[in-house]
Amino acid sequence: MKKGSLTLSTTAIVTLILAIVMLGLGLGFIRGNFSKSATQFDEQTSSRVELLSPIPSNPLVISKEVVIADPGSTFRIDVGVKNPTHEDWGEAYPVVTCS
């Protein structure tokens, strides 16, 4: 009886070690992918903010110079406008449709 119980406990220990190693590898892989995605997102948003920062010499900044779209399609164009009076203009979301 002692030989069977020793084999069972050895198998359980080896299985437990393999499970912990696989869990660690999986968590490391997921963490690496999330940090890479977060870095790419931060780079894209920071470049967009710099791109859309209007200045007195250029008070209107548009994210896309040329837009080619199909009729009825929707897309996003970011616009930065210099507000010299610093008064609240409210929120406006104009929608432009192609025809």
N, C-alpha and C. Protein backbone atom coordinates (compact mmCIF):
# COMPACT_ATOMS: atom_id res chain seq x y z
N MET A 1 0.81 -1.19 0.00
CA MET A 1 0.00 0.00 0.00
C MET A 1 0.86 1.26 0.00
N LYS A 2 1.99 1.21 0.58
CA LYS A 2 2.81 2.40 0.66
C LYS A 2 3.33 2.80 -0.71
N LYS A 3 3.59 1.88 -1.60
CA LYS A 3 4.12 2.19 -2.92
C LYS A 3 3.06 2.92 -3.76
N GLY A 4 1.81 2.54 -3.68
CA GLY A 4 0.74 3.18 -4.43
C GLY A 4 0.49 4.61 -3.95
N SER A 5 0.53 4.82 -2.66
CA SER A 5 0.31 6.16 -2.15
C SER A 5 1.46 7.09 -2.49
N LEU A 6 2.68 6.56 -2.56
CA LEU A 6 3.84 7.36 -2.94
C LEU A 6 3.75 7.77 -4.40
N THR A 7 3.31 6.86 -5.27
CA THR A 7 3.14 7.18 -6.69
C THR A 7 2.06 8.24 -6.88
N LEU A 8 0.98 8.13 -6.14
CA LEU A 8 -0.11 9.09 -6.24
C LEU A 8 0.34 10.48 -5.79
N SER A 9 1.08 10.56 -4.70
CA SER A 9 1.52 11.87 -4.23
C SER A 9 2.57 12.46 -5.17
N THR A 10 3.42 11.66 -5.76
CA THR A 10 4.41 12.16 -6.72
C THR A 10 3.72 12.69 -7.96
N THR A 11 2.73 11.98 -8.45
CA THR A 11 1.97 12.43 -9.61
C THR A 11 1.24 13.74 -9.30
N ALA A 12 0.67 13.84 -8.11
CA ALA A 12 -0.03 15.05 -7.72
C ALA A 12 0.93 16.23 -7.64
N ILE A 13 2.12 16.04 -7.11
CA ILE A 13 3.10 17.12 -7.00
C ILE A 13 3.57 17.56 -8.38
N VAL A 14 3.86 16.61 -9.27
CA VAL A 14 4.30 16.95 -10.62
C VAL A 14 3.18 17.69 -11.36
N THR A 15 1.94 17.25 -11.24
CA THR A 15 0.81 17.91 -11.88
C THR A 15 0.64 19.33 -11.33
N LEU A 16 0.78 19.49 -10.02
CA LEU A 16 0.66 20.81 -9.41
C LEU A 16 1.76 21.75 -9.90
N ILE A 17 2.98 21.27 -10.00
CA ILE A 17 4.09 22.10 -10.49
C ILE A 17 3.85 22.50 -11.95
N LEU A 18 3.42 21.56 -12.78
CA LEU A 18 3.13 21.88 -14.18
C LEU A 18 2.00 22.89 -14.31
N ALA A 19 0.98 22.76 -13.48
CA ALA A 19 -0.14 23.71 -13.52
C ALA A 19 0.32 25.11 -13.13
N ILE A 20 1.16 25.22 -12.12
CA ILE A 20 1.66 26.53 -11.70
C ILE A 20 2.54 27.15 -12.78
N VAL A 21 3.39 26.35 -13.42
CA VAL A 21 4.25 26.86 -14.49
C VAL A 21 3.40 27.34 -15.66
N MET A 22 2.41 26.56 -16.06
CA MET A 22 1.55 26.95 -17.18
C MET A 22 0.75 28.22 -16.83
N LEU A 23 0.28 28.34 -15.62
CA LEU A 23 -0.44 29.53 -15.19
C LEU A 23 0.47 30.75 -15.25
N GLY A 24 1.69 30.62 -14.79
CA GLY A 24 2.65 31.72 -14.84
C GLY A 24 2.97 32.14 -16.26
N LEU A 25 3.18 31.17 -17.15
CA LEU A 25 3.45 31.49 -18.55
C LEU A 25 2.25 32.18 -19.21
N GLY A 26 1.06 31.69 -18.93
CA GLY A 26 -0.14 32.30 -19.50
C GLY A 26 -0.35 33.72 -19.01
N LEU A 27 -0.16 33.95 -17.72
CA LEU A 27 -0.32 35.31 -17.18
C LEU A 27 0.74 36.25 -17.73
N GLY A 28 1.97 35.76 -17.88
CA GLY A 28 3.03 36.59 -18.47
C GLY A 28 2.72 36.97 -19.91
N PHE A 29 2.20 36.01 -20.67
CA PHE A 29 1.85 36.27 -22.07
C PHE A 29 0.73 37.31 -22.15
N ILE A 30 -0.30 37.16 -21.35
CA ILE A 30 -1.42 38.10 -21.37
C ILE A 30 -0.97 39.48 -20.91
N ARG A 31 -0.16 39.54 -19.87
CA ARG A 31 0.34 40.83 -19.37
C ARG A 31 1.18 41.53 -20.43
N GLY A 32 2.02 40.78 -21.14
CA GLY A 32 2.84 41.37 -22.20
C GLY A 32 2.00 41.93 -23.33
N ASN A 33 0.96 41.21 -23.72
CA ASN A 33 0.09 41.70 -24.80
C ASN A 33 -0.69 42.94 -24.37
N PHE A 34 -1.17 42.96 -23.14
CA PHE A 34 -1.91 44.13 -22.67
C PHE A 34 -1.02 45.35 -22.55
N SER A 35 0.20 45.17 -22.07
CA SER A 35 1.09 46.32 -21.93
C SER A 35 1.50 46.85 -23.30
N LYS A 36 1.69 45.94 -24.28
CA LYS A 36 2.03 46.39 -25.63
C LYS A 36 0.85 47.14 -26.25
N SER A 37 -0.36 46.65 -26.04
CA SER A 37 -1.55 47.34 -26.57
C SER A 37 -1.73 48.69 -25.90
N ALA A 38 -1.51 48.76 -24.61
CA ALA A 38 -1.64 50.03 -23.89
C ALA A 38 -0.62 51.05 -24.38
N THR A 39 0.60 50.59 -24.65
CA THR A 39 1.64 51.48 -25.15
C THR A 39 1.27 52.01 -26.54
N GLN A 40 0.77 51.14 -27.41
CA GLN A 40 0.36 51.57 -28.75
C GLN A 40 -0.80 52.56 -28.65
N PHE A 41 -1.75 52.31 -27.76
CA PHE A 41 -2.88 53.22 -27.59
C PHE A 41 -2.40 54.59 -27.11
N ASP A 42 -1.50 54.59 -26.13
CA ASP A 42 -0.97 55.86 -25.62
C ASP A 42 -0.24 56.64 -26.71
N GLU A 43 0.53 55.94 -27.55
CA GLU A 43 1.25 56.61 -28.63
C GLU A 43 0.28 57.23 -29.63
N GLN A 44 -0.77 56.50 -29.97
CA GLN A 44 -1.73 57.01 -30.96
C GLN A 44 -2.51 58.19 -30.40
N THR A 45 -2.94 58.12 -29.16
CA THR A 45 -3.72 59.22 -28.61
C THR A 45 -2.85 60.45 -28.36
N SER A 46 -1.61 60.26 -27.95
CA SER A 46 -0.75 61.42 -27.71
C SER A 46 -0.42 62.13 -29.02
N SER A 47 -0.21 61.37 -30.10
CA SER A 47 0.08 62.01 -31.38
C SER A 47 -1.16 62.72 -31.91
N ARG A 48 -2.34 62.19 -31.64
CA ARG A 48 -3.58 62.83 -32.08
C ARG A 48 -3.80 64.13 -31.33
N VAL A 49 -3.52 64.17 -30.04
CA VAL A 49 -3.70 65.39 -29.26
C VAL A 49 -2.75 66.48 -29.77
N GLU A 50 -1.49 66.12 -30.04
CA GLU A 50 -0.54 67.09 -30.57
C GLU A 50 -0.97 67.57 -31.95
N LEU A 51 -1.52 66.67 -32.74
CA LEU A 51 -1.95 67.02 -34.08
C LEU A 51 -3.11 68.00 -34.05
N LEU A 52 -4.01 67.87 -33.08
CA LEU A 52 -5.21 68.70 -33.03
C LEU A 52 -5.09 69.84 -32.03
N SER A 53 -3.90 70.34 -31.81
CA SER A 53 -3.73 71.49 -30.92
C SER A 53 -3.68 72.76 -31.74
N PRO A 54 -4.79 73.50 -31.81
CA PRO A 54 -4.79 74.73 -32.59
C PRO A 54 -3.96 75.81 -31.91
N ILE A 55 -3.34 76.64 -32.71
CA ILE A 55 -2.53 77.75 -32.23
C ILE A 55 -3.04 79.03 -32.89
N PRO A 56 -2.67 80.20 -32.39
CA PRO A 56 -3.19 81.43 -32.99
C PRO A 56 -2.92 81.57 -34.49
N SER A 57 -1.79 81.07 -34.95
CA SER A 57 -1.51 81.18 -36.38
C SER A 57 -2.28 80.14 -37.20
N ASN A 58 -2.76 79.07 -36.56
CA ASN A 58 -3.55 78.03 -37.23
C ASN A 58 -4.73 77.68 -36.33
N PRO A 59 -5.81 78.51 -36.33
CA PRO A 59 -6.89 78.32 -35.38
C PRO A 59 -7.82 77.14 -35.66
N LEU A 60 -7.77 76.56 -36.85
CA LEU A 60 -8.63 75.43 -37.19
C LEU A 60 -7.76 74.28 -37.68
N VAL A 61 -7.79 73.17 -36.97
CA VAL A 61 -6.98 72.00 -37.30
C VAL A 61 -7.92 70.83 -37.53
N ILE A 62 -7.75 70.13 -38.67
CA ILE A 62 -8.60 68.99 -39.02
C ILE A 62 -7.72 67.75 -39.11
N SER A 63 -8.22 66.61 -38.63
CA SER A 63 -7.42 65.39 -38.58
C SER A 63 -7.14 64.79 -39.95
N LYS A 64 -8.01 65.01 -40.92
CA LYS A 64 -7.81 64.44 -42.26
C LYS A 64 -7.90 65.55 -43.29
N GLU A 65 -6.89 65.65 -44.13
CA GLU A 65 -6.89 66.67 -45.18
C GLU A 65 -7.84 66.29 -46.32
N VAL A 66 -7.76 65.03 -46.75
CA VAL A 66 -8.57 64.56 -47.87
C VAL A 66 -9.40 63.37 -47.40
N VAL A 67 -10.68 63.39 -47.73
CA VAL A 67 -11.56 62.28 -47.35
C VAL A 67 -12.23 61.75 -48.62
N ILE A 68 -12.07 60.46 -48.83
CA ILE A 68 -12.75 59.79 -49.94
C ILE A 68 -13.71 58.79 -49.30
N ALA A 69 -15.00 58.98 -49.55
CA ALA A 69 -16.00 58.13 -48.89
C ALA A 69 -17.08 57.74 -49.88
N ASP A 70 -17.70 56.62 -49.59
CA ASP A 70 -18.83 56.15 -50.38
C ASP A 70 -20.08 56.88 -49.94
N PRO A 71 -21.06 57.06 -50.84
CA PRO A 71 -22.32 57.71 -50.45
C PRO A 71 -23.01 56.95 -49.31
N GLY A 72 -23.44 57.68 -48.31
CA GLY A 72 -24.13 57.09 -47.18
C GLY A 72 -23.23 56.52 -46.11
N SER A 73 -21.92 56.57 -46.29
CA SER A 73 -21.01 56.01 -45.30
C SER A 73 -20.77 57.02 -44.18
N THR A 74 -20.35 56.53 -43.04
CA THR A 74 -20.03 57.40 -41.92
C THR A 74 -18.57 57.20 -41.53
N PHE A 75 -17.94 58.25 -41.05
CA PHE A 75 -16.57 58.18 -40.61
C PHE A 75 -16.34 59.31 -39.63
N ARG A 76 -15.19 59.31 -38.99
CA ARG A 76 -14.90 60.30 -37.96
C ARG A 76 -13.80 61.23 -38.42
N ILE A 77 -14.03 62.52 -38.25
CA ILE A 77 -13.00 63.53 -38.49
C ILE A 77 -12.91 64.36 -37.22
N ASP A 78 -11.73 64.45 -36.65
CA ASP A 78 -11.53 65.25 -35.45
C ASP A 78 -11.14 66.67 -35.86
N VAL A 79 -11.74 67.64 -35.19
CA VAL A 79 -11.50 69.04 -35.50
C VAL A 79 -11.08 69.76 -34.22
N GLY A 80 -10.01 70.53 -34.30
CA GLY A 80 -9.58 71.36 -33.18
C GLY A 80 -9.77 72.82 -33.55
N VAL A 81 -10.44 73.58 -32.67
CA VAL A 81 -10.73 74.99 -32.93
C VAL A 81 -10.17 75.83 -31.79
N LYS A 82 -9.45 76.88 -32.13
CA LYS A 82 -8.92 77.79 -31.12
C LYS A 82 -10.04 78.69 -30.62
N ASN A 83 -10.22 78.75 -29.31
CA ASN A 83 -11.25 79.58 -28.69
C ASN A 83 -10.56 80.75 -27.99
N PRO A 84 -10.45 81.90 -28.65
CA PRO A 84 -9.72 83.02 -28.03
C PRO A 84 -10.45 83.65 -26.86
N THR A 85 -11.77 83.51 -26.77
CA THR A 85 -12.53 84.15 -25.70
C THR A 85 -12.61 83.29 -24.45
N HIS A 86 -12.30 82.02 -24.56
CA HIS A 86 -12.38 81.05 -23.46
C HIS A 86 -13.78 80.92 -22.89
N GLU A 87 -14.81 81.29 -23.67
CA GLU A 87 -16.19 81.08 -23.25
C GLU A 87 -16.62 79.68 -23.65
N ASP A 88 -17.56 79.13 -22.92
CA ASP A 88 -18.05 77.79 -23.20
C ASP A 88 -18.94 77.81 -24.43
N TRP A 89 -18.61 77.01 -25.42
CA TRP A 89 -19.40 76.92 -26.65
C TRP A 89 -20.45 75.81 -26.55
N GLY A 90 -20.41 75.03 -25.50
CA GLY A 90 -21.31 73.88 -25.40
C GLY A 90 -20.74 72.72 -26.19
N GLU A 91 -21.51 71.68 -26.29
CA GLU A 91 -21.07 70.51 -27.05
C GLU A 91 -21.87 70.42 -28.32
N ALA A 92 -21.16 70.29 -29.42
CA ALA A 92 -21.82 70.16 -30.72
C ALA A 92 -21.15 69.04 -31.47
N TYR A 93 -21.94 68.16 -32.04
CA TYR A 93 -21.42 67.05 -32.83
C TYR A 93 -22.09 67.09 -34.21
N PRO A 94 -21.54 67.86 -35.11
CA PRO A 94 -22.17 67.94 -36.44
C PRO A 94 -21.99 66.62 -37.19
N VAL A 95 -23.00 66.26 -37.95
CA VAL A 95 -22.95 65.05 -38.74
C VAL A 95 -23.02 65.47 -40.21
N VAL A 96 -22.06 64.99 -40.99
CA VAL A 96 -22.00 65.32 -42.41
C VAL A 96 -22.24 64.01 -43.17
N THR A 97 -23.18 64.01 -44.08
CA THR A 97 -23.42 62.81 -44.88
C THR A 97 -22.95 63.06 -46.30
N CYS A 98 -22.46 62.02 -46.92
CA CYS A 98 -22.00 62.10 -48.31
C CYS A 98 -23.14 61.73 -49.21
N SER A 99 -23.32 62.51 -50.28
CA SER A 99 -24.37 62.17 -51.24
C SER A 99 -23.84 62.19 -52.65
